[in-house]
Amino acid sequence: LESTEECLANYPQLEPFIWSWDSLEHPLSAFPNDFEKGVRSFLAWQI
């Protein structure tokens, strides 16, 4: 019934688990400065 933002505002328990299309499409935006370590950590998370 509501927009995603309005709905999630009512459920703060979900804040650590927010779904982000932008982060999925551009995963490097959250990478640390050391790319090789970042990609290895990302691979571990995928697994």
ModelCIF file with pLDDT and N, C-alpha, C, O atoms, coordinates in Angstrom:
data_MODEL
#
_entry.id   MODEL 
#
_entity.id                         1 
_entity.type                       polymer 
_entity.pdbx_number_of_molecules   1 
#
_entity_poly.entity_id                      1 
_entity_poly.type                           'polypeptide(L)' 
_entity_poly.nstd_linkage                   no 
_entity_poly.nstd_monomer                   no 
_entity_poly.pdbx_seq_one_letter_code       LESTEECLANYPQLEPFIWSWDSLEHPLSAFPNDFEKGVRSFLAWQI 
_entity_poly.pdbx_seq_one_letter_code_can   LESTEECLANYPQLEPFIWSWDSLEHPLSAFPNDFEKGVRSFLAWQI 
_entity_poly.pdbx_strand_id                 A 
#
loop_
_entity_poly_seq.entity_id 
_entity_poly_seq.num 
_entity_poly_seq.mon_id 
_entity_poly_seq.hetero 
1 1  LEU n 
1 2  GLU n 
1 3  SER n 
1 4  THR n 
1 5  GLU n 
1 6  GLU n 
1 7  CYS n 
1 8  LEU n 
1 9  ALA n 
1 10 ASN n 
1 11 TYR n 
1 12 PRO n 
1 13 GLN n 
1 14 LEU n 
1 15 GLU n 
1 16 PRO n 
1 17 PHE n 
1 18 ILE n 
1 19 TRP n 
1 20 SER n 
1 21 TRP n 
1 22 ASP n 
1 23 SER n 
1 24 LEU n 
1 25 GLU n 
1 26 HIS n 
1 27 PRO n 
1 28 LEU n 
1 29 SER n 
1 30 ALA n 
1 31 PHE n 
1 32 PRO n 
1 33 ASN n 
1 34 ASP n 
1 35 PHE n 
1 36 GLU n 
1 37 LYS n 
1 38 GLY n 
1 39 VAL n 
1 40 ARG n 
1 41 SER n 
1 42 PHE n 
1 43 LEU n 
1 44 ALA n 
1 45 TRP n 
1 46 GLN n 
1 47 ILE n 
#
_struct_asym.id          A 
_struct_asym.entity_id   1 
#
loop_
_ma_qa_metric.id 
_ma_qa_metric.mode 
_ma_qa_metric.name 
_ma_qa_metric.software_group_id 
_ma_qa_metric.type 
1 global pLDDT . pLDDT 
2 local  pLDDT . pLDDT 
#
_ma_qa_metric_global.metric_id      1 
_ma_qa_metric_global.metric_value   94.53 
_ma_qa_metric_global.model_id       1 
_ma_qa_metric_global.ordinal_id     1 
#
loop_
_ma_qa_metric_local.label_asym_id 
_ma_qa_metric_local.label_comp_id 
_ma_qa_metric_local.label_seq_id 
_ma_qa_metric_local.metric_id 
_ma_qa_metric_local.metric_value 
_ma_qa_metric_local.model_id 
_ma_qa_metric_local.ordinal_id 
A LEU 1  2 94.00 1 1  
A GLU 2  2 95.00 1 2  
A SER 3  2 95.00 1 3  
A THR 4  2 95.00 1 4  
A GLU 5  2 95.00 1 5  
A GLU 6  2 96.00 1 6  
A CYS 7  2 97.00 1 7  
A LEU 8  2 97.00 1 8  
A ALA 9  2 96.00 1 9  
A ASN 10 2 95.00 1 10 
A TYR 11 2 97.00 1 11 
A PRO 12 2 97.00 1 12 
A GLN 13 2 97.00 1 13 
A LEU 14 2 98.00 1 14 
A GLU 15 2 96.00 1 15 
A PRO 16 2 97.00 1 16 
A PHE 17 2 97.00 1 17 
A ILE 18 2 97.00 1 18 
A TRP 19 2 98.00 1 19 
A SER 20 2 97.00 1 20 
A TRP 21 2 97.00 1 21 
A ASP 22 2 96.00 1 22 
A SER 23 2 95.00 1 23 
A LEU 24 2 96.00 1 24 
A GLU 25 2 95.00 1 25 
A HIS 26 2 95.00 1 26 
A PRO 27 2 95.00 1 27 
A LEU 28 2 93.00 1 28 
A SER 29 2 88.00 1 29 
A ALA 30 2 85.00 1 30 
A PHE 31 2 88.00 1 31 
A PRO 32 2 81.00 1 32 
A ASN 33 2 84.00 1 33 
A ASP 34 2 88.00 1 34 
A PHE 35 2 92.00 1 35 
A GLU 36 2 91.00 1 36 
A LYS 37 2 92.00 1 37 
A GLY 38 2 94.00 1 38 
A VAL 39 2 96.00 1 39 
A ARG 40 2 96.00 1 40 
A SER 41 2 96.00 1 41 
A PHE 42 2 97.00 1 42 
A LEU 43 2 97.00 1 43 
A ALA 44 2 97.00 1 44 
A TRP 45 2 97.00 1 45 
A GLN 46 2 98.00 1 46 
A ILE 47 2 98.00 1 47 
#
loop_
_atom_site.group_PDB 
_atom_site.id 
_atom_site.type_symbol 
_atom_site.label_atom_id 
_atom_site.label_alt_id 
_atom_site.label_comp_id 
_atom_site.label_asym_id 
_atom_site.label_entity_id 
_atom_site.label_seq_id 
_atom_site.pdbx_PDB_ins_code 
_atom_site.Cartn_x 
_atom_site.Cartn_y 
_atom_site.Cartn_z 
_atom_site.occupancy 
_atom_site.B_iso_or_equiv 
_atom_site.pdbx_formal_charge 
_atom_site.auth_seq_id 
_atom_site.auth_comp_id 
_atom_site.auth_asym_id 
_atom_site.auth_atom_id 
_atom_site.pdbx_PDB_model_num 
ATOM 1   N N  . LEU A 1 1  ? 0.813  -1.219  0.000   1.00 94.00 ? 1  LEU A N  1 
ATOM 2   C CA . LEU A 1 1  ? 0.000  0.000   0.000   1.00 94.00 ? 1  LEU A CA 1 
ATOM 3   C C  . LEU A 1 1  ? 0.848  1.271   0.000   1.00 94.00 ? 1  LEU A C  1 
ATOM 4   O O  . LEU A 1 1  ? 0.431  2.292   -0.546  1.00 94.00 ? 1  LEU A O  1 
ATOM 5   N N  . GLU A 1 2  ? 2.031  1.215   0.607   1.00 95.00 ? 2  GLU A N  1 
ATOM 6   C CA . GLU A 1 2  ? 2.848  2.413   0.763   1.00 95.00 ? 2  GLU A CA 1 
ATOM 7   C C  . GLU A 1 2  ? 4.099  2.334   -0.115  1.00 95.00 ? 2  GLU A C  1 
ATOM 8   O O  . GLU A 1 2  ? 4.402  1.289   -0.692  1.00 95.00 ? 2  GLU A O  1 
ATOM 9   N N  . SER A 1 3  ? 4.808  3.435   -0.206  1.00 95.00 ? 3  SER A N  1 
ATOM 10  C CA . SER A 1 3  ? 6.096  3.397   -0.883  1.00 95.00 ? 3  SER A CA 1 
ATOM 11  C C  . SER A 1 3  ? 7.068  2.584   -0.035  1.00 95.00 ? 3  SER A C  1 
ATOM 12  O O  . SER A 1 3  ? 6.856  2.400   1.164   1.00 95.00 ? 3  SER A O  1 
ATOM 13  N N  . THR A 1 4  ? 8.123  2.104   -0.660  1.00 95.00 ? 4  THR A N  1 
ATOM 14  C CA . THR A 1 4  ? 9.104  1.294   0.070   1.00 95.00 ? 4  THR A CA 1 
ATOM 15  C C  . THR A 1 4  ? 9.684  2.068   1.241   1.00 95.00 ? 4  THR A C  1 
ATOM 16  O O  . THR A 1 4  ? 9.829  1.518   2.332   1.00 95.00 ? 4  THR A O  1 
ATOM 17  N N  . GLU A 1 5  ? 10.020 3.342   1.032   1.00 95.00 ? 5  GLU A N  1 
ATOM 18  C CA . GLU A 1 5  ? 10.629 4.154   2.082   1.00 95.00 ? 5  GLU A CA 1 
ATOM 19  C C  . GLU A 1 5  ? 9.671  4.333   3.255   1.00 95.00 ? 5  GLU A C  1 
ATOM 20  O O  . GLU A 1 5  ? 10.072 4.212   4.412   1.00 95.00 ? 5  GLU A O  1 
ATOM 21  N N  . GLU A 1 6  ? 8.390  4.625   2.952   1.00 96.00 ? 6  GLU A N  1 
ATOM 22  C CA . GLU A 1 6  ? 7.397  4.821   4.019   1.00 96.00 ? 6  GLU A CA 1 
ATOM 23  C C  . GLU A 1 6  ? 7.203  3.538   4.809   1.00 96.00 ? 6  GLU A C  1 
ATOM 24  O O  . GLU A 1 6  ? 7.100  3.567   6.036   1.00 96.00 ? 6  GLU A O  1 
ATOM 25  N N  . CYS A 1 7  ? 7.153  2.419   4.110   1.00 97.00 ? 7  CYS A N  1 
ATOM 26  C CA . CYS A 1 7  ? 6.954  1.141   4.784   1.00 97.00 ? 7  CYS A CA 1 
ATOM 27  C C  . CYS A 1 7  ? 8.119  0.818   5.709   1.00 97.00 ? 7  CYS A C  1 
ATOM 28  O O  . CYS A 1 7  ? 7.914  0.468   6.871   1.00 97.00 ? 7  CYS A O  1 
ATOM 29  N N  . LEU A 1 8  ? 9.351  0.935   5.194   1.00 97.00 ? 8  LEU A N  1 
ATOM 30  C CA . LEU A 1 8  ? 10.519 0.555   5.988   1.00 97.00 ? 8  LEU A CA 1 
ATOM 31  C C  . LEU A 1 8  ? 10.721 1.456   7.197   1.00 97.00 ? 8  LEU A C  1 
ATOM 32  O O  . LEU A 1 8  ? 11.317 1.045   8.192   1.00 97.00 ? 8  LEU A O  1 
ATOM 33  N N  . ALA A 1 9  ? 10.225 2.679   7.110   1.00 96.00 ? 9  ALA A N  1 
ATOM 34  C CA . ALA A 1 9  ? 10.324 3.582   8.262   1.00 96.00 ? 9  ALA A CA 1 
ATOM 35  C C  . ALA A 1 9  ? 9.573  3.024   9.471   1.00 96.00 ? 9  ALA A C  1 
ATOM 36  O O  . ALA A 1 9  ? 9.894  3.351   10.614  1.00 96.00 ? 9  ALA A O  1 
ATOM 37  N N  . ASN A 1 10 ? 8.569  2.180   9.211   1.00 95.00 ? 10 ASN A N  1 
ATOM 38  C CA . ASN A 1 10 ? 7.783  1.573   10.280  1.00 95.00 ? 10 ASN A CA 1 
ATOM 39  C C  . ASN A 1 10 ? 8.437  0.310   10.852  1.00 95.00 ? 10 ASN A C  1 
ATOM 40  O O  . ASN A 1 10 ? 7.973  -0.241  11.850  1.00 95.00 ? 10 ASN A O  1 
ATOM 41  N N  . TYR A 1 11 ? 9.509  -0.136  10.214  1.00 97.00 ? 11 TYR A N  1 
ATOM 42  C CA . TYR A 1 11 ? 10.146 -1.397  10.633  1.00 97.00 ? 11 TYR A CA 1 
ATOM 43  C C  . TYR A 1 11 ? 11.660 -1.192  10.770  1.00 97.00 ? 11 TYR A C  1 
ATOM 44  O O  . TYR A 1 11 ? 12.423 -1.644  9.916   1.00 97.00 ? 11 TYR A O  1 
ATOM 45  N N  . PRO A 1 12 ? 12.092 -0.524  11.823  1.00 97.00 ? 12 PRO A N  1 
ATOM 46  C CA . PRO A 1 12 ? 13.524 -0.238  11.997  1.00 97.00 ? 12 PRO A CA 1 
ATOM 47  C C  . PRO A 1 12 ? 14.383 -1.500  12.117  1.00 97.00 ? 12 PRO A C  1 
ATOM 48  O O  . PRO A 1 12 ? 15.597 -1.446  11.918  1.00 97.00 ? 12 PRO A O  1 
ATOM 49  N N  . GLN A 1 13 ? 13.744 -2.652  12.446  1.00 97.00 ? 13 GLN A N  1 
ATOM 50  C CA . GLN A 1 13 ? 14.505 -3.908  12.559  1.00 97.00 ? 13 GLN A CA 1 
ATOM 51  C C  . GLN A 1 13 ? 15.134 -4.299  11.213  1.00 97.00 ? 13 GLN A C  1 
ATOM 52  O O  . GLN A 1 13 ? 16.112 -5.046  11.168  1.00 97.00 ? 13 GLN A O  1 
ATOM 53  N N  . LEU A 1 14 ? 14.560 -3.787  10.123  1.00 98.00 ? 14 LEU A N  1 
ATOM 54  C CA . LEU A 1 14 ? 15.056 -4.156  8.796   1.00 98.00 ? 14 LEU A CA 1 
ATOM 55  C C  . LEU A 1 14 ? 16.184 -3.243  8.306   1.00 98.00 ? 14 LEU A C  1 
ATOM 56  O O  . LEU A 1 14 ? 16.762 -3.480  7.246   1.00 98.00 ? 14 LEU A O  1 
ATOM 57  N N  . GLU A 1 15 ? 16.489 -2.211  9.074   1.00 96.00 ? 15 GLU A N  1 
ATOM 58  C CA . GLU A 1 15 ? 17.484 -1.234  8.614   1.00 96.00 ? 15 GLU A CA 1 
ATOM 59  C C  . GLU A 1 15 ? 18.839 -1.855  8.253   1.00 96.00 ? 15 GLU A C  1 
ATOM 60  O O  . GLU A 1 15 ? 19.452 -1.422  7.277   1.00 96.00 ? 15 GLU A O  1 
ATOM 61  N N  . PRO A 1 16 ? 19.336 -2.867  9.011   1.00 97.00 ? 16 PRO A N  1 
ATOM 62  C CA . PRO A 1 16 ? 20.640 -3.448  8.640   1.00 97.00 ? 16 PRO A CA 1 
ATOM 63  C C  . PRO A 1 16 ? 20.592 -4.283  7.363   1.00 97.00 ? 16 PRO A C  1 
ATOM 64  O O  . PRO A 1 16 ? 21.633 -4.713  6.865   1.00 97.00 ? 16 PRO A O  1 
ATOM 65  N N  . PHE A 1 17 ? 19.393 -4.515  6.830   1.00 97.00 ? 17 PHE A N  1 
ATOM 66  C CA . PHE A 1 17 ? 19.256 -5.460  5.720   1.00 97.00 ? 17 PHE A CA 1 
ATOM 67  C C  . PHE A 1 17 ? 18.625 -4.812  4.480   1.00 97.00 ? 17 PHE A C  1 
ATOM 68  O O  . PHE A 1 17 ? 17.953 -5.488  3.701   1.00 97.00 ? 17 PHE A O  1 
ATOM 69  N N  . ILE A 1 18 ? 18.838 -3.527  4.302   1.00 97.00 ? 18 ILE A N  1 
ATOM 70  C CA . ILE A 1 18 ? 18.192 -2.802  3.215   1.00 97.00 ? 18 ILE A CA 1 
ATOM 71  C C  . ILE A 1 18 ? 18.654 -3.335  1.850   1.00 97.00 ? 18 ILE A C  1 
ATOM 72  O O  . ILE A 1 18 ? 19.845 -3.529  1.607   1.00 97.00 ? 18 ILE A O  1 
ATOM 73  N N  . TRP A 1 19 ? 17.680 -3.562  0.979   1.00 98.00 ? 19 TRP A N  1 
ATOM 74  C CA . TRP A 1 19 ? 17.942 -3.970  -0.410  1.00 98.00 ? 19 TRP A CA 1 
ATOM 75  C C  . TRP A 1 19 ? 18.240 -2.715  -1.229  1.00 98.00 ? 19 TRP A C  1 
ATOM 76  O O  . TRP A 1 19 ? 17.478 -1.750  -1.190  1.00 98.00 ? 19 TRP A O  1 
ATOM 77  N N  . SER A 1 20 ? 19.344 -2.731  -1.967  1.00 97.00 ? 20 SER A N  1 
ATOM 78  C CA . SER A 1 20 ? 19.721 -1.557  -2.762  1.00 97.00 ? 20 SER A CA 1 
ATOM 79  C C  . SER A 1 20 ? 20.018 -1.978  -4.200  1.00 97.00 ? 20 SER A C  1 
ATOM 80  O O  . SER A 1 20 ? 20.998 -2.677  -4.454  1.00 97.00 ? 20 SER A O  1 
ATOM 81  N N  . TRP A 1 21 ? 19.183 -1.558  -5.129  1.00 97.00 ? 21 TRP A N  1 
ATOM 82  C CA . TRP A 1 21 ? 19.424 -1.854  -6.546  1.00 97.00 ? 21 TRP A CA 1 
ATOM 83  C C  . TRP A 1 21 ? 20.711 -1.192  -7.019  1.00 97.00 ? 21 TRP A C  1 
ATOM 84  O O  . TRP A 1 21 ? 21.456 -1.762  -7.815  1.00 97.00 ? 21 TRP A O  1 
ATOM 85  N N  . ASP A 1 22 ? 20.966 0.004   -6.528  1.00 96.00 ? 22 ASP A N  1 
ATOM 86  C CA . ASP A 1 22 ? 22.161 0.727   -6.954  1.00 96.00 ? 22 ASP A CA 1 
ATOM 87  C C  . ASP A 1 22 ? 23.428 0.003   -6.499  1.00 96.00 ? 22 ASP A C  1 
ATOM 88  O O  . ASP A 1 22 ? 24.397 -0.074  -7.253  1.00 96.00 ? 22 ASP A O  1 
ATOM 89  N N  . SER A 1 23 ? 23.432 -0.524  -5.281  1.00 95.00 ? 23 SER A N  1 
ATOM 90  C CA . SER A 1 23 ? 24.600 -1.254  -4.784  1.00 95.00 ? 23 SER A CA 1 
ATOM 91  C C  . SER A 1 23 ? 24.804 -2.560  -5.538  1.00 95.00 ? 23 SER A C  1 
ATOM 92  O O  . SER A 1 23 ? 25.937 -2.986  -5.763  1.00 95.00 ? 23 SER A O  1 
ATOM 93  N N  . LEU A 1 24 ? 23.706 -3.190  -5.926  1.00 96.00 ? 24 LEU A N  1 
ATOM 94  C CA . LEU A 1 24 ? 23.818 -4.429  -6.699  1.00 96.00 ? 24 LEU A CA 1 
ATOM 95  C C  . LEU A 1 24 ? 24.409 -4.148  -8.081  1.00 96.00 ? 24 LEU A C  1 
ATOM 96  O O  . LEU A 1 24 ? 25.255 -4.893  -8.577  1.00 96.00 ? 24 LEU A O  1 
ATOM 97  N N  . GLU A 1 25 ? 23.948 -3.071  -8.679  1.00 95.00 ? 25 GLU A N  1 
ATOM 98  C CA . GLU A 1 25 ? 24.420 -2.733  -10.019 1.00 95.00 ? 25 GLU A CA 1 
ATOM 99  C C  . GLU A 1 25 ? 25.846 -2.205  -9.993  1.00 95.00 ? 25 GLU A C  1 
ATOM 100 O O  . GLU A 1 25 ? 26.613 -2.429  -10.930 1.00 95.00 ? 25 GLU A O  1 
ATOM 101 N N  . HIS A 1 26 ? 26.202 -1.501  -8.915  1.00 95.00 ? 26 HIS A N  1 
ATOM 102 C CA . HIS A 1 26 ? 27.535 -0.888  -8.809  1.00 95.00 ? 26 HIS A CA 1 
ATOM 103 C C  . HIS A 1 26 ? 28.195 -1.330  -7.504  1.00 95.00 ? 26 HIS A C  1 
ATOM 104 O O  . HIS A 1 26 ? 28.344 -0.521  -6.588  1.00 95.00 ? 26 HIS A O  1 
ATOM 105 N N  . PRO A 1 27 ? 28.586 -2.585  -7.405  1.00 95.00 ? 27 PRO A N  1 
ATOM 106 C CA . PRO A 1 27 ? 29.113 -3.102  -6.132  1.00 95.00 ? 27 PRO A CA 1 
ATOM 107 C C  . PRO A 1 27 ? 30.407 -2.434  -5.694  1.00 95.00 ? 27 PRO A C  1 
ATOM 108 O O  . PRO A 1 27 ? 30.722 -2.433  -4.504  1.00 95.00 ? 27 PRO A O  1 
ATOM 109 N N  . LEU A 1 28 ? 31.164 -1.866  -6.627  1.00 93.00 ? 28 LEU A N  1 
ATOM 110 C CA . LEU A 1 28 ? 32.457 -1.270  -6.260  1.00 93.00 ? 28 LEU A CA 1 
ATOM 111 C C  . LEU A 1 28 ? 32.300 -0.017  -5.412  1.00 93.00 ? 28 LEU A C  1 
ATOM 112 O O  . LEU A 1 28 ? 33.263 0.430   -4.789  1.00 93.00 ? 28 LEU A O  1 
ATOM 113 N N  . SER A 1 29 ? 31.101 0.558   -5.379  1.00 88.00 ? 29 SER A N  1 
ATOM 114 C CA . SER A 1 29 ? 30.893 1.787   -4.614  1.00 88.00 ? 29 SER A CA 1 
ATOM 115 C C  . SER A 1 29 ? 31.152 1.578   -3.125  1.00 88.00 ? 29 SER A C  1 
ATOM 116 O O  . SER A 1 29 ? 31.445 2.529   -2.401  1.00 88.00 ? 29 SER A O  1 
ATOM 117 N N  . ALA A 1 30 ? 31.042 0.323   -2.668  1.00 85.00 ? 30 ALA A N  1 
ATOM 118 C CA . ALA A 1 30 ? 31.254 0.029   -1.238  1.00 85.00 ? 30 ALA A CA 1 
ATOM 119 C C  . ALA A 1 30 ? 32.615 -0.611  -0.983  1.00 85.00 ? 30 ALA A C  1 
ATOM 120 O O  . ALA A 1 30 ? 32.893 -1.052  0.132   1.00 85.00 ? 30 ALA A O  1 
ATOM 121 N N  . PHE A 1 31 ? 33.463 -0.663  -2.008  1.00 88.00 ? 31 PHE A N  1 
ATOM 122 C CA . PHE A 1 31 ? 34.758 -1.327  -1.861  1.00 88.00 ? 31 PHE A CA 1 
ATOM 123 C C  . PHE A 1 31 ? 35.750 -0.455  -1.083  1.00 88.00 ? 31 PHE A C  1 
ATOM 124 O O  . PHE A 1 31 ? 35.690 0.773   -1.152  1.00 88.00 ? 31 PHE A O  1 
ATOM 125 N N  . PRO A 1 32 ? 36.664 -1.100  -0.342  1.00 81.00 ? 32 PRO A N  1 
ATOM 126 C CA . PRO A 1 32 ? 37.739 -0.347  0.308   1.00 81.00 ? 32 PRO A CA 1 
ATOM 127 C C  . PRO A 1 32 ? 38.764 0.104   -0.728  1.00 81.00 ? 32 PRO A C  1 
ATOM 128 O O  . PRO A 1 32 ? 38.653 -0.228  -1.908  1.00 81.00 ? 32 PRO A O  1 
ATOM 129 N N  . ASN A 1 33 ? 39.743 0.850   -0.286  1.00 84.00 ? 33 ASN A N  1 
ATOM 130 C CA . ASN A 1 33 ? 40.764 1.359   -1.209  1.00 84.00 ? 33 ASN A CA 1 
ATOM 131 C C  . ASN A 1 33 ? 41.586 0.256   -1.845  1.00 84.00 ? 33 ASN A C  1 
ATOM 132 O O  . ASN A 1 33 ? 41.973 0.361   -3.009  1.00 84.00 ? 33 ASN A O  1 
ATOM 133 N N  . ASP A 1 34 ? 41.857 -0.801  -1.093  1.00 88.00 ? 34 ASP A N  1 
ATOM 134 C CA . ASP A 1 34 ? 42.628 -1.927  -1.614  1.00 88.00 ? 34 ASP A CA 1 
ATOM 135 C C  . ASP A 1 34 ? 41.696 -2.823  -2.417  1.00 88.00 ? 34 ASP A C  1 
ATOM 136 O O  . ASP A 1 34 ? 40.944 -3.612  -1.845  1.00 88.00 ? 34 ASP A O  1 
ATOM 137 N N  . PHE A 1 35 ? 41.744 -2.704  -3.746  1.00 92.00 ? 35 PHE A N  1 
ATOM 138 C CA . PHE A 1 35 ? 40.776 -3.401  -4.592  1.00 92.00 ? 35 PHE A CA 1 
ATOM 139 C C  . PHE A 1 35 ? 40.917 -4.913  -4.476  1.00 92.00 ? 35 PHE A C  1 
ATOM 140 O O  . PHE A 1 35 ? 39.910 -5.612  -4.362  1.00 92.00 ? 35 PHE A O  1 
ATOM 141 N N  . GLU A 1 36 ? 42.138 -5.433  -4.502  1.00 91.00 ? 36 GLU A N  1 
ATOM 142 C CA . GLU A 1 36 ? 42.315 -6.886  -4.492  1.00 91.00 ? 36 GLU A CA 1 
ATOM 143 C C  . GLU A 1 36 ? 41.763 -7.506  -3.210  1.00 91.00 ? 36 GLU A C  1 
ATOM 144 O O  . GLU A 1 36 ? 41.137 -8.565  -3.257  1.00 91.00 ? 36 GLU A O  1 
ATOM 145 N N  . LYS A 1 37 ? 41.989 -6.860  -2.071  1.00 92.00 ? 37 LYS A N  1 
ATOM 146 C CA . LYS A 1 37 ? 41.408 -7.360  -0.820  1.00 92.00 ? 37 LYS A CA 1 
ATOM 147 C C  . LYS A 1 37 ? 39.891 -7.226  -0.845  1.00 92.00 ? 37 LYS A C  1 
ATOM 148 O O  . LYS A 1 37 ? 39.166 -8.090  -0.352  1.00 92.00 ? 37 LYS A O  1 
ATOM 149 N N  . GLY A 1 38 ? 39.430 -6.124  -1.429  1.00 94.00 ? 38 GLY A N  1 
ATOM 150 C CA . GLY A 1 38 ? 37.992 -5.898  -1.506  1.00 94.00 ? 38 GLY A CA 1 
ATOM 151 C C  . GLY A 1 38 ? 37.286 -6.951  -2.329  1.00 94.00 ? 38 GLY A C  1 
ATOM 152 O O  . GLY A 1 38 ? 36.236 -7.451  -1.926  1.00 94.00 ? 38 GLY A O  1 
ATOM 153 N N  . VAL A 1 39 ? 37.847 -7.298  -3.485  1.00 96.00 ? 39 VAL A N  1 
ATOM 154 C CA . VAL A 1 39 ? 37.198 -8.273  -4.346  1.00 96.00 ? 39 VAL A CA 1 
ATOM 155 C C  . VAL A 1 39 ? 37.251 -9.668  -3.724  1.00 96.00 ? 39 VAL A C  1 
ATOM 156 O O  . VAL A 1 39 ? 36.337 -10.472 -3.910  1.00 96.00 ? 39 VAL A O  1 
ATOM 157 N N  . ARG A 1 40 ? 38.331 -9.950  -2.984  1.00 96.00 ? 40 ARG A N  1 
ATOM 158 C CA . ARG A 1 40 ? 38.404 -11.267 -2.314  1.00 96.00 ? 40 ARG A CA 1 
ATOM 159 C C  . ARG A 1 40 ? 37.370 -11.357 -1.201  1.00 96.00 ? 40 ARG A C  1 
ATOM 160 O O  . ARG A 1 40 ? 36.766 -12.411 -1.003  1.00 96.00 ? 40 ARG A O  1 
ATOM 161 N N  . SER A 1 41 ? 37.159 -10.266 -0.474  1.00 96.00 ? 41 SER A N  1 
ATOM 162 C CA . SER A 1 41 ? 36.133 -10.243 0.573   1.00 96.00 ? 41 SER A CA 1 
ATOM 163 C C  . SER A 1 41 ? 34.732 -10.341 -0.029  1.00 96.00 ? 41 SER A C  1 
ATOM 164 O O  . SER A 1 41 ? 33.853 -11.016 0.508   1.00 96.00 ? 41 SER A O  1 
ATOM 165 N N  . PHE A 1 42 ? 34.544 -9.651  -1.157  1.00 97.00 ? 42 PHE A N  1 
ATOM 166 C CA . PHE A 1 42 ? 33.251 -9.694  -1.830  1.00 97.00 ? 42 PHE A CA 1 
ATOM 167 C C  . PHE A 1 42 ? 32.949 -11.114 -2.306  1.00 97.00 ? 42 PHE A C  1 
ATOM 168 O O  . PHE A 1 42 ? 31.815 -11.580 -2.195  1.00 97.00 ? 42 PHE A O  1 
ATOM 169 N N  . LEU A 1 43 ? 33.954 -11.796 -2.833  1.00 97.00 ? 43 LEU A N  1 
ATOM 170 C CA . LEU A 1 43 ? 33.787 -13.179 -3.274  1.00 97.00 ? 43 LEU A CA 1 
ATOM 171 C C  . LEU A 1 43 ? 33.431 -14.081 -2.097  1.00 97.00 ? 43 LEU A C  1 
ATOM 172 O O  . LEU A 1 43 ? 32.579 -14.960 -2.227  1.00 97.00 ? 43 LEU A O  1 
ATOM 173 N N  . ALA A 1 44 ? 34.070 -13.872 -0.960  1.00 97.00 ? 44 ALA A N  1 
ATOM 174 C CA . ALA A 1 44 ? 33.757 -14.652 0.247   1.00 97.00 ? 44 ALA A CA 1 
ATOM 175 C C  . ALA A 1 44 ? 32.319 -14.414 0.680   1.00 97.00 ? 44 ALA A C  1 
ATOM 176 O O  . ALA A 1 44 ? 31.633 -15.343 1.108   1.00 97.00 ? 44 ALA A O  1 
ATOM 177 N N  . TRP A 1 45 ? 31.856 -13.154 0.569   1.00 97.00 ? 45 TRP A N  1 
ATOM 178 C CA . TRP A 1 45 ? 30.471 -12.828 0.919   1.00 97.00 ? 45 TRP A CA 1 
ATOM 179 C C  . TRP A 1 45 ? 29.496 -13.515 -0.043  1.00 97.00 ? 45 TRP A C  1 
ATOM 180 O O  . TRP A 1 45 ? 28.488 -14.073 0.391   1.00 97.00 ? 45 TRP A O  1 
ATOM 181 N N  . GLN A 1 46 ? 29.793 -13.476 -1.339  1.00 98.00 ? 46 GLN A N  1 
ATOM 182 C CA . GLN A 1 46 ? 28.957 -14.175 -2.319  1.00 98.00 ? 46 GLN A CA 1 
ATOM 183 C C  . GLN A 1 46 ? 28.825 -15.657 -1.978  1.00 98.00 ? 46 GLN A C  1 
ATOM 184 O O  . GLN A 1 46 ? 27.728 -16.215 -1.993  1.00 98.00 ? 46 GLN A O  1 
ATOM 185 N N  . ILE A 1 47 ? 29.949 -16.278 -1.673  1.00 98.00 ? 47 ILE A N  1 
ATOM 186 C CA . ILE A 1 47 ? 29.958 -17.706 -1.357  1.00 98.00 ? 47 ILE A CA 1 
ATOM 187 C C  . ILE A 1 47 ? 29.132 -17.983 -0.109  1.00 98.00 ? 47 ILE A C  1 
ATOM 188 O O  . ILE A 1 47 ? 29.021 -19.134 0.315   1.00 98.00 ? 47 ILE A O  1 
#
